[in-house]
Amino acid sequence: MDDVINGGSHSTAPLDGCVGDVVAPGAAIVGIMNDARTDAIREYDAASDAEFNEAAASKQKRDDRILGMGIEKVGERIPHCWCSSRMGLGGHPGCPS
């Protein structure tokens, strides 16, 4: 770049064209590197998302099993008619006292 601007060239081409010719290869390489970096980040994030989703699904299955067992036990331990008659406040028709 320095040689293009400060060098003793006898070229009749305009300076902006010469500078553009000098920086174009470097700009192309920077663009390629940025694209590669963006693709790598996107792939990493997609892999992380997949791992997170698998872990969340596994934990959800475990939680569902635990809650299911707990709900079954609650149903076994609570009387079928849990009403005010059990508390001595009178009940509804058909309530076993």
PDB file of N, CA and C in Angstrom:
ATOM      1  N   MET A   1       0.834  -1.171   0.000  1.00  0.00           N
ATOM      2  CA  MET A   1       0.000   0.000   0.000  1.00  0.00           C
ATOM      3  C   MET A   1       0.884   1.241   0.000  1.00  0.00           C
ATOM      4  N   ASP A   2       1.900   1.217   0.865  1.00  0.00           N
ATOM      5  CA  ASP A   2       2.799   2.370   0.951  1.00  0.00           C
ATOM      6  C   ASP A   2       3.470   2.624  -0.389  1.00  0.00           C
ATOM      7  N   ASP A   3       3.860   1.546  -1.041  1.00  0.00           N
ATOM      8  CA  ASP A   3       4.533   1.691  -2.328  1.00  0.00           C
ATOM      9  C   ASP A   3       3.592   2.285  -3.375  1.00  0.00           C
ATOM     10  N   VAL A   4       2.310   1.918  -3.323  1.00  0.00           N
ATOM     11  CA  VAL A   4       1.353   2.439  -4.298  1.00  0.00           C
ATOM     12  C   VAL A   4       1.158   3.927  -4.099  1.00  0.00           C
ATOM     13  N   ILE A   5       1.064   4.358  -2.832  1.00  0.00           N
ATOM     14  CA  ILE A   5       0.790   5.776  -2.573  1.00  0.00           C
ATOM     15  C   ILE A   5       2.063   6.612  -2.614  1.00  0.00           C
ATOM     16  N   ASN A   6       3.116   6.137  -1.968  1.00  0.00           N
ATOM     17  CA  ASN A   6       4.327   6.947  -1.836  1.00  0.00           C
ATOM     18  C   ASN A   6       5.432   6.564  -2.811  1.00  0.00           C
ATOM     19  N   GLY A   7       5.263   5.439  -3.480  1.00  0.00           N
ATOM     20  CA  GLY A   7       6.310   4.979  -4.391  1.00  0.00           C
ATOM     21  C   GLY A   7       6.409   5.862  -5.633  1.00  0.00           C
ATOM     22  N   GLY A   8       7.474   5.694  -6.307  1.00  0.00           N
ATOM     23  CA  GLY A   8       7.709   6.499  -7.494  1.00  0.00           C
ATOM     24  C   GLY A   8       7.198   5.833  -8.759  1.00  0.00           C
ATOM     25  N   SER A   9       5.907   5.514  -8.789  1.00  0.00           N
ATOM     26  CA  SER A   9       5.339   4.849  -9.948  1.00  0.00           C
ATOM     27  C   SER A   9       5.109   5.851 -11.073  1.00  0.00           C
ATOM     28  N   HIS A  10       5.285   5.362 -12.300  1.00  0.00           N
ATOM     29  CA  HIS A  10       5.038   6.191 -13.476  1.00  0.00           C
ATOM     30  C   HIS A  10       3.703   5.820 -14.107  1.00  0.00           C
ATOM     31  N   SER A  11       2.839   5.133 -13.320  1.00  0.00           N
ATOM     32  CA  SER A  11       1.545   4.685 -13.837  1.00  0.00           C
ATOM     33  C   SER A  11       0.637   5.879 -14.039  1.00  0.00           C
ATOM     34  N   THR A  12      -0.175   5.784 -15.072  1.00  0.00           N
ATOM     35  CA  THR A  12      -1.145   6.852 -15.332  1.00  0.00           C
ATOM     36  C   THR A  12      -2.532   6.479 -14.792  1.00  0.00           C
ATOM     37  N   ALA A  13      -2.643   5.324 -14.134  1.00  0.00           N
ATOM     38  CA  ALA A  13      -3.928   4.901 -13.569  1.00  0.00           C
ATOM     39  C   ALA A  13      -4.258   5.776 -12.363  1.00  0.00           C
ATOM     40  N   PRO A  14      -5.551   6.043 -12.131  1.00  0.00           N
ATOM     41  CA  PRO A  14      -5.919   6.871 -10.974  1.00  0.00           C
ATOM     42  C   PRO A  14      -5.538   6.182  -9.663  1.00  0.00           C
ATOM     43  N   LEU A  15      -5.201   6.972  -8.656  1.00  0.00           N
ATOM     44  CA  LEU A  15      -4.730   6.453  -7.383  1.00  0.00           C
ATOM     45  C   LEU A  15      -5.769   5.556  -6.711  1.00  0.00           C
ATOM     46  N   ASP A  16      -7.049   5.936  -6.764  1.00  0.00           N
ATOM     47  CA  ASP A  16      -8.069   5.119  -6.091  1.00  0.00           C
ATOM     48  C   ASP A  16      -8.170   3.730  -6.722  1.00  0.00           C
ATOM     49  N   GLY A  17      -7.960   3.633  -8.021  1.00  0.00           N
ATOM     50  CA  GLY A  17      -7.968   2.328  -8.682  1.00  0.00           C
ATOM     51  C   GLY A  17      -6.793   1.476  -8.250  1.00  0.00           C
ATOM     52  N   CYS A  18      -5.612   2.094  -8.119  1.00  0.00           N
ATOM     53  CA  CYS A  18      -4.419   1.362  -7.685  1.00  0.00           C
ATOM     54  C   CYS A  18      -4.585   0.881  -6.237  1.00  0.00           C
ATOM     55  N   VAL A  19      -5.114   1.747  -5.363  1.00  0.00           N
ATOM     56  CA  VAL A  19      -5.322   1.359  -3.968  1.00  0.00           C
ATOM     57  C   VAL A  19      -6.344   0.229  -3.893  1.00  0.00           C
ATOM     58  N   GLY A  20      -7.401   0.314  -4.668  1.00  0.00           N
ATOM     59  CA  GLY A  20      -8.413  -0.744  -4.696  1.00  0.00           C
ATOM     60  C   GLY A  20      -7.820  -2.069  -5.122  1.00  0.00           C
ATOM     61  N   ASP A  21      -6.937  -2.048  -6.107  1.00  0.00           N
ATOM     62  CA  ASP A  21      -6.291  -3.279  -6.557  1.00  0.00           C
ATOM     63  C   ASP A  21      -5.397  -3.877  -5.473  1.00  0.00           C
ATOM     64  N   VAL A  22      -4.778  -3.029  -4.657  1.00  0.00           N
ATOM     65  CA  VAL A  22      -3.888  -3.508  -3.608  1.00  0.00           C
ATOM     66  C   VAL A  22      -4.682  -4.105  -2.436  1.00  0.00           C
ATOM     67  N   VAL A  23      -5.792  -3.484  -2.047  1.00  0.00           N
ATOM     68  CA  VAL A  23      -6.517  -3.947  -0.860  1.00  0.00           C
ATOM     69  C   VAL A  23      -7.551  -5.033  -1.168  1.00  0.00           C
ATOM     70  N   ALA A  24      -7.920  -5.227  -2.409  1.00  0.00           N
ATOM     71  CA  ALA A  24      -8.961  -6.201  -2.764  1.00  0.00           C
ATOM     72  C   ALA A  24      -8.648  -7.620  -2.298  1.00  0.00           C
ATOM     73  N   PRO A  25      -7.442  -8.150  -2.506  1.00  0.00           N
ATOM     74  CA  PRO A  25      -7.177  -9.520  -2.038  1.00  0.00           C
ATOM     75  C   PRO A  25      -7.312  -9.653  -0.518  1.00  0.00           C
ATOM     76  N   GLY A  26      -6.819  -8.681   0.232  1.00  0.00           N
ATOM     77  CA  GLY A  26      -6.928  -8.730   1.692  1.00  0.00           C
ATOM     78  C   GLY A  26      -8.378  -8.645   2.144  1.00  0.00           C
ATOM     79  N   ALA A  27      -9.166  -7.805   1.475  1.00  0.00           N
ATOM     80  CA  ALA A  27     -10.574  -7.679   1.832  1.00  0.00           C
ATOM     81  C   ALA A  27     -11.314  -8.981   1.545  1.00  0.00           C
ATOM     82  N   ALA A  28     -10.970  -9.642   0.457  1.00  0.00           N
ATOM     83  CA  ALA A  28     -11.602 -10.920   0.127  1.00  0.00           C
ATOM     84  C   ALA A  28     -11.280 -11.978   1.187  1.00  0.00           C
ATOM     85  N   ILE A  29     -10.016 -12.001   1.623  1.00  0.00           N
ATOM     86  CA  ILE A  29      -9.617 -12.971   2.653  1.00  0.00           C
ATOM     87  C   ILE A  29     -10.346 -12.688   3.964  1.00  0.00           C
ATOM     88  N   VAL A  30     -10.455 -11.417   4.345  1.00  0.00           N
ATOM     89  CA  VAL A  30     -11.174 -11.066   5.572  1.00  0.00           C
ATOM     90  C   VAL A  30     -12.634 -11.498   5.461  1.00  0.00           C
ATOM     91  N   GLY A  31     -13.257 -11.316   4.322  1.00  0.00           N
ATOM     92  CA  GLY A  31     -14.641 -11.743   4.126  1.00  0.00           C
ATOM     93  C   GLY A  31     -14.804 -13.251   4.259  1.00  0.00           C
ATOM     94  N   ILE A  32     -13.872 -13.994   3.674  1.00  0.00           N
ATOM     95  CA  ILE A  32     -13.916 -15.458   3.772  1.00  0.00           C
ATOM     96  C   ILE A  32     -13.754 -15.893   5.232  1.00  0.00           C
ATOM     97  N   MET A  33     -12.836 -15.270   5.956  1.00  0.00           N
ATOM     98  CA  MET A  33     -12.614 -15.620   7.358  1.00  0.00           C
ATOM     99  C   MET A  33     -13.842 -15.280   8.210  1.00  0.00           C
ATOM    100  N   ASN A  34     -14.474 -14.152   7.944  1.00  0.00           N
ATOM    101  CA  ASN A  34     -15.681 -13.787   8.688  1.00  0.00           C
ATOM    102  C   ASN A  34     -16.815 -14.775   8.427  1.00  0.00           C
ATOM    103  N   ASP A  35     -16.968 -15.183   7.178  1.00  0.00           N
ATOM    104  CA  ASP A  35     -17.998 -16.181   6.853  1.00  0.00           C
ATOM    105  C   ASP A  35     -17.729 -17.498   7.575  1.00  0.00           C
ATOM    106  N   ALA A  36     -16.461 -17.921   7.591  1.00  0.00           N
ATOM    107  CA  ALA A  36     -16.103 -19.173   8.258  1.00  0.00           C
ATOM    108  C   ALA A  36     -16.359 -19.067   9.764  1.00  0.00           C
ATOM    109  N   ARG A  37     -16.019 -17.933  10.357  1.00  0.00           N
ATOM    110  CA  ARG A  37     -16.244 -17.732  11.785  1.00  0.00           C
ATOM    111  C   ARG A  37     -17.736 -17.757  12.099  1.00  0.00           C
ATOM    112  N   THR A  38     -18.526 -17.104  11.273  1.00  0.00           N
ATOM    113  CA  THR A  38     -19.987 -17.086  11.463  1.00  0.00           C
ATOM    114  C   THR A  38     -20.554 -18.495  11.359  1.00  0.00           C
ATOM    115  N   ASP A  39     -20.112 -19.262  10.373  1.00  0.00           N
ATOM    116  CA  ASP A  39     -20.587 -20.646  10.223  1.00  0.00           C
ATOM    117  C   ASP A  39     -20.199 -21.496  11.433  1.00  0.00           C
ATOM    118  N   ALA A  40     -18.978 -21.313  11.925  1.00  0.00           N
ATOM    119  CA  ALA A  40     -18.525 -22.096  13.080  1.00  0.00           C
ATOM    120  C   ALA A  40     -19.356 -21.760  14.323  1.00  0.00           C
ATOM    121  N   ILE A  41     -19.637 -20.490  14.538  1.00  0.00           N
ATOM    122  CA  ILE A  41     -20.445 -20.086  15.692  1.00  0.00           C
ATOM    123  C   ILE A  41     -21.852 -20.654  15.567  1.00  0.00           C
ATOM    124  N   ARG A  42     -22.412 -20.581  14.376  1.00  0.00           N
ATOM    125  CA  ARG A  42     -23.764 -21.095  14.149  1.00  0.00           C
ATOM    126  C   ARG A  42     -23.822 -22.607  14.404  1.00  0.00           C
ATOM    127  N   GLU A  43     -22.819 -23.341  13.935  1.00  0.00           N
ATOM    128  CA  GLU A  43     -22.778 -24.794  14.152  1.00  0.00           C
ATOM    129  C   GLU A  43     -22.614 -25.118  15.632  1.00  0.00           C
ATOM    130  N   TYR A  44     -21.755 -24.363  16.336  1.00  0.00           N
ATOM    131  CA  TYR A  44     -21.562 -24.584  17.763  1.00  0.00           C
ATOM    132  C   TYR A  44     -22.856 -24.337  18.527  1.00  0.00           C
ATOM    133  N   ASP A  45     -23.541 -23.229  18.201  1.00  0.00           N
ATOM    134  CA  ASP A  45     -24.798 -22.914  18.879  1.00  0.00           C
ATOM    135  C   ASP A  45     -25.858 -23.972  18.598  1.00  0.00           C
ATOM    136  N   ALA A  46     -25.904 -24.477  17.367  1.00  0.00           N
ATOM    137  CA  ALA A  46     -26.888 -25.508  17.029  1.00  0.00           C
ATOM    138  C   ALA A  46     -26.606 -26.782  17.818  1.00  0.00           C
ATOM    139  N   ALA A  47     -25.336 -27.145  17.955  1.00  0.00           N
ATOM    140  CA  ALA A  47     -24.980 -28.331  18.732  1.00  0.00           C
ATOM    141  C   ALA A  47     -25.326 -28.120  20.202  1.00  0.00           C
ATOM    142  N   SER A  48     -25.049 -26.941  20.727  1.00  0.00           N
ATOM    143  CA  SER A  48     -25.377 -26.642  22.115  1.00  0.00           C
ATOM    144  C   SER A  48     -26.882 -26.700  22.337  1.00  0.00           C
ATOM    145  N   ASP A  49     -27.655 -26.157  21.396  1.00  0.00           N
ATOM    146  CA  ASP A  49     -29.114 -26.185  21.508  1.00  0.00           C
ATOM    147  C   ASP A  49     -29.622 -27.619  21.514  1.00  0.00           C
ATOM    148  N   ALA A  50     -29.064 -28.458  20.653  1.00  0.00           N
ATOM    149  CA  ALA A  50     -29.504 -29.855  20.587  1.00  0.00           C
ATOM    150  C   ALA A  50     -29.197 -30.580  21.897  1.00  0.00           C
ATOM    151  N   GLU A  51     -28.002 -30.365  22.444  1.00  0.00           N
ATOM    152  CA  GLU A  51     -27.644 -30.993  23.716  1.00  0.00           C
ATOM    153  C   GLU A  51     -28.560 -30.506  24.836  1.00  0.00           C
ATOM    154  N   PHE A  52     -28.828 -29.203  24.854  1.00  0.00           N
ATOM    155  CA  PHE A  52     -29.710 -28.646  25.883  1.00  0.00           C
ATOM    156  C   PHE A  52     -31.107 -29.238  25.770  1.00  0.00           C
ATOM    157  N   ASN A  53     -31.625 -29.312  24.539  1.00  0.00           N
ATOM    158  CA  ASN A  53     -32.969 -29.851  24.344  1.00  0.00           C
ATOM    159  C   ASN A  53     -33.057 -31.320  24.759  1.00  0.00           C
ATOM    160  N   GLU A  54     -32.025 -32.097  24.461  1.00  0.00           N
ATOM    161  CA  GLU A  54     -32.012 -33.507  24.876  1.00  0.00           C
ATOM    162  C   GLU A  54     -31.987 -33.620  26.397  1.00  0.00           C
ATOM    163  N   ALA A  55     -31.173 -32.807  27.044  1.00  0.00           N
ATOM    164  CA  ALA A  55     -31.101 -32.847  28.509  1.00  0.00           C
ATOM    165  C   ALA A  55     -32.429 -32.414  29.125  1.00  0.00           C
ATOM    166  N   ALA A  56     -33.049 -31.378  28.552  1.00  0.00           N
ATOM    167  CA  ALA A  56     -34.332 -30.909  29.079  1.00  0.00           C
ATOM    168  C   ALA A  56     -35.409 -31.973  28.907  1.00  0.00           C
ATOM    169  N   ALA A  57     -35.421 -32.660  27.774  1.00  0.00           N
ATOM    170  CA  ALA A  57     -36.421 -33.705  27.542  1.00  0.00           C
ATOM    171  C   ALA A  57     -36.224 -34.861  28.522  1.00  0.00           C
ATOM    172  N   SER A  58     -34.972 -35.227  28.771  1.00  0.00           N
ATOM    173  CA  SER A  58     -34.683 -36.297  29.711  1.00  0.00           C
ATOM    174  C   SER A  58     -35.139 -35.917  31.120  1.00  0.00           C
ATOM    175  N   LYS A  59     -34.862 -34.699  31.529  1.00  0.00           N
ATOM    176  CA  LYS A  59     -35.276 -34.246  32.861  1.00  0.00           C
ATOM    177  C   LYS A  59     -36.790 -34.156  32.956  1.00  0.00           C
ATOM    178  N   GLN A  60     -37.443 -33.751  31.868  1.00  0.00           N
ATOM    179  CA  GLN A  60     -38.902 -33.673  31.876  1.00  0.00           C
ATOM    180  C   GLN A  60     -39.516 -35.061  32.052  1.00  0.00           C
ATOM    181  N   LYS A  61     -38.946 -36.068  31.388  1.00  0.00           N
ATOM    182  CA  LYS A  61     -39.440 -37.441  31.552  1.00  0.00           C
ATOM    183  C   LYS A  61     -39.298 -37.886  32.999  1.00  0.00           C
ATOM    184  N   ARG A  62     -38.148 -37.600  33.592  1.00  0.00           N
ATOM    185  CA  ARG A  62     -37.919 -37.967  34.988  1.00  0.00           C
ATOM    186  C   ARG A  62     -38.918 -37.262  35.896  1.00  0.00           C
ATOM    187  N   ASP A  63     -39.107 -35.967  35.684  1.00  0.00           N
ATOM    188  CA  ASP A  63     -40.048 -35.204  36.505  1.00  0.00           C
ATOM    189  C   ASP A  63     -41.467 -35.727  36.345  1.00  0.00           C
ATOM    190  N   ASP A  64     -41.851 -36.065  35.121  1.00  0.00           N
ATOM    191  CA  ASP A  64     -43.198 -36.599  34.882  1.00  0.00           C
ATOM    192  C   ASP A  64     -43.404 -37.914  35.634  1.00  0.00           C
ATOM    193  N   ARG A  65     -42.382 -38.771  35.636  1.00  0.00           N
ATOM    194  CA  ARG A  65     -42.493 -40.046  36.365  1.00  0.00           C
ATOM    195  C   ARG A  65     -42.645 -39.796  37.861  1.00  0.00           C
ATOM    196  N   ILE A  66     -41.834 -38.907  38.401  1.00  0.00           N
ATOM    197  CA  ILE A  66     -41.892 -38.622  39.842  1.00  0.00           C
ATOM    198  C   ILE A  66     -43.243 -38.013  40.206  1.00  0.00           C
ATOM    199  N   LEU A  67     -43.699 -37.047  39.418  1.00  0.00           N
ATOM    200  CA  LEU A  67     -45.002 -36.442  39.697  1.00  0.00           C
ATOM    201  C   LEU A  67     -46.122 -37.462  39.562  1.00  0.00           C
ATOM    202  N   GLY A  68     -46.029 -38.322  38.570  1.00  0.00           N
ATOM    203  CA  GLY A  68     -47.050 -39.351  38.371  1.00  0.00           C
ATOM    204  C   GLY A  68     -47.141 -40.279  39.573  1.00  0.00           C
ATOM    205  N   MET A  69     -45.973 -40.680  40.107  1.00  0.00           N
ATOM    206  CA  MET A  69     -45.976 -41.547  41.285  1.00  0.00           C
ATOM    207  C   MET A  69     -46.569 -40.817  42.486  1.00  0.00           C
ATOM    208  N   GLY A  70     -46.234 -39.538  42.625  1.00  0.00           N
ATOM    209  CA  GLY A  70     -46.754 -38.766  43.743  1.00  0.00           C
ATOM    210  C   GLY A  70     -48.252 -38.566  43.652  1.00  0.00           C
ATOM    211  N   ILE A  71     -48.753 -38.300  42.464  1.00  0.00           N
ATOM    212  CA  ILE A  71     -50.192 -38.092  42.281  1.00  0.00           C
ATOM    213  C   ILE A  71     -50.950 -39.377  42.556  1.00  0.00           C
ATOM    214  N   GLU A  72     -50.409 -40.520  42.141  1.00  0.00           N
ATOM    215  CA  GLU A  72     -51.055 -41.808  42.427  1.00  0.00           C
ATOM    216  C   GLU A  72     -51.146 -42.039  43.928  1.00  0.00           C
ATOM    217  N   LYS A  73     -50.073 -41.711  44.662  1.00  0.00           N
ATOM    218  CA  LYS A  73     -50.062 -41.917  46.114  1.00  0.00           C
ATOM    219  C   LYS A  73     -51.054 -40.978  46.806  1.00  0.00           C
ATOM    220  N   VAL A  74     -51.156 -39.751  46.321  1.00  0.00           N
ATOM    221  CA  VAL A  74     -52.110 -38.805  46.905  1.00  0.00           C
ATOM    222  C   VAL A  74     -53.519 -39.343  46.757  1.00  0.00           C
ATOM    223  N   GLY A  75     -53.832 -39.868  45.604  1.00  0.00           N
ATOM    224  CA  GLY A  75     -55.163 -40.429  45.375  1.00  0.00           C
ATOM    225  C   GLY A  75     -55.468 -41.586  46.300  1.00  0.00           C
ATOM    226  N   GLU A  76     -54.463 -42.351  46.657  1.00  0.00           N
ATOM    227  CA  GLU A  76     -54.660 -43.485  47.562  1.00  0.00           C
ATOM    228  C   GLU A  76     -54.857 -43.022  49.009  1.00  0.00           C
ATOM    229  N   ARG A  77     -54.245 -41.917  49.380  1.00  0.00           N
ATOM    230  CA  ARG A  77     -54.254 -41.492  50.779  1.00  0.00           C
ATOM    231  C   ARG A  77     -55.384 -40.528  51.122  1.00  0.00           C
ATOM    232  N   ILE A  78     -55.921 -39.827  50.175  1.00  0.00           N
ATOM    233  CA  ILE A  78     -57.006 -38.884  50.445  1.00  0.00           C
ATOM    234  C   ILE A  78     -58.328 -39.599  50.203  1.00  0.00           C
ATOM    235  N   PRO A  79     -59.267 -39.471  51.141  1.00  0.00           N
ATOM    236  CA  PRO A  79     -60.568 -40.106  50.941  1.00  0.00           C
ATOM    237  C   PRO A  79     -61.233 -39.566  49.680  1.00  0.00           C
ATOM    238  N   HIS A  80     -62.060 -40.403  49.079  1.00  0.00           N
ATOM    239  CA  HIS A  80     -62.720 -40.009  47.837  1.00  0.00           C
ATOM    240  C   HIS A  80     -63.666 -38.832  48.043  1.00  0.00           C
ATOM    241  N   CYS A  81     -64.200 -38.695  49.239  1.00  0.00           N
ATOM    242  CA  CYS A  81     -65.093 -37.574  49.500  1.00  0.00           C
ATOM    243  C   CYS A  81     -64.450 -36.702  50.568  1.00  0.00           C
ATOM    244  N   TRP A  82     -63.846 -35.685  50.143  1.00  0.00           N
ATOM    245  CA  TRP A  82     -63.185 -34.759  51.059  1.00  0.00           C
ATOM    246  C   TRP A  82     -64.055 -33.521  51.112  1.00  0.00           C
ATOM    247  N   CYS A  83     -64.985 -33.507  52.010  1.00  0.00           N
ATOM    248  CA  CYS A  83     -65.923 -32.391  52.050  1.00  0.00           C
ATOM    249  C   CYS A  83     -66.032 -31.853  53.462  1.00  0.00           C
ATOM    250  N   SER A  84     -66.899 -30.912  53.608  1.00  0.00           N
ATOM    251  CA  SER A  84     -67.021 -30.244  54.900  1.00  0.00           C
ATOM    252  C   SER A  84     -67.547 -31.165  55.993  1.00  0.00           C
ATOM    253  N   SER A  85     -68.210 -32.274  55.634  1.00  0.00           N
ATOM    254  CA  SER A  85     -68.701 -33.184  56.675  1.00  0.00           C
ATOM    255  C   SER A  85     -67.546 -33.834  57.417  1.00  0.00           C
ATOM    256  N   ARG A  86     -66.398 -33.987  56.746  1.00  0.00           N
ATOM    257  CA  ARG A  86     -65.224 -34.568  57.396  1.00  0.00           C
ATOM    258  C   ARG A  86     -64.688 -33.615  58.467  1.00  0.00           C
ATOM    259  N   MET A  87     -65.011 -32.355  58.302  1.00  0.00           N
ATOM    260  CA  MET A  87     -64.544 -31.375  59.265  1.00  0.00           C
ATOM    261  C   MET A  87     -65.638 -31.019  60.269  1.00  0.00           C
ATOM    262  N   GLY A  88     -66.760 -31.765  60.263  1.00  0.00           N
ATOM    263  CA  GLY A  88     -67.830 -31.527  61.212  1.00  0.00           C
ATOM    264  C   GLY A  88     -68.708 -30.344  60.856  1.00  0.00           C
ATOM    265  N   LEU A  89     -68.705 -29.924  59.584  1.00  0.00           N
ATOM    266  CA  LEU A  89     -69.498 -28.767  59.190  1.00  0.00           C
ATOM    267  C   LEU A  89     -70.724 -29.162  58.380  1.00  0.00           C
ATOM    268  N   GLY A  90     -71.041 -30.419  58.322  1.00  0.00           N
ATOM    269  CA  GLY A  90     -72.186 -30.873  57.508  1.00  0.00           C
ATOM    270  C   GLY A  90     -71.703 -31.201  56.114  1.00  0.00           C
ATOM    271  N   GLY A  91     -72.389 -32.104  55.481  1.00  0.00           N
ATOM    272  CA  GLY A  91     -71.927 -32.541  54.167  1.00  0.00           C
ATOM    273  C   GLY A  91     -72.972 -32.369  53.098  1.00  0.00           C
ATOM    274  N   HIS A  92     -72.756 -33.026  52.013  1.00  0.00           N
ATOM    275  CA  HIS A  92     -73.693 -33.008  50.890  1.00  0.00           C
ATOM    276  C   HIS A  92     -74.375 -34.363  50.800  1.00  0.00           C
ATOM    277  N   PRO A  93     -75.491 -34.462  50.072  1.00  0.00           N
ATOM    278  CA  PRO A  93     -76.171 -35.757  49.974  1.00  0.00           C
ATOM    279  C   PRO A  93     -75.229 -36.802  49.373  1.00  0.00           C
ATOM    280  N   GLY A  94     -75.242 -37.975  49.946  1.00  0.00           N
ATOM    281  CA  GLY A  94     -74.431 -39.076  49.432  1.00  0.00           C
ATOM    282  C   GLY A  94     -73.018 -39.094  49.997  1.00  0.00           C
ATOM    283  N   CYS A  95     -72.709 -38.177  50.862  1.00  0.00           N
ATOM    284  CA  CYS A  95     -71.371 -38.128  51.449  1.00  0.00           C
ATOM    285  C   CYS A  95     -71.272 -39.139  52.558  1.00  0.00           C
ATOM    286  N   PRO A  96     -70.312 -40.040  52.503  1.00  0.00           N
ATOM    287  CA  PRO A  96     -70.159 -40.976  53.625  1.00  0.00           C
ATOM    288  C   PRO A  96     -69.562 -40.236  54.808  1.00  0.00           C
ATOM    289  N   SER A  97     -70.275 -40.241  55.902  1.00  0.00           N
ATOM    290  CA  SER A  97     -69.821 -39.501  57.082  1.00  0.00           C
ATOM    291  C   SER A  97     -68.869 -40.335  57.900  1.00  0.00           C
TER     292      SER A  97
END
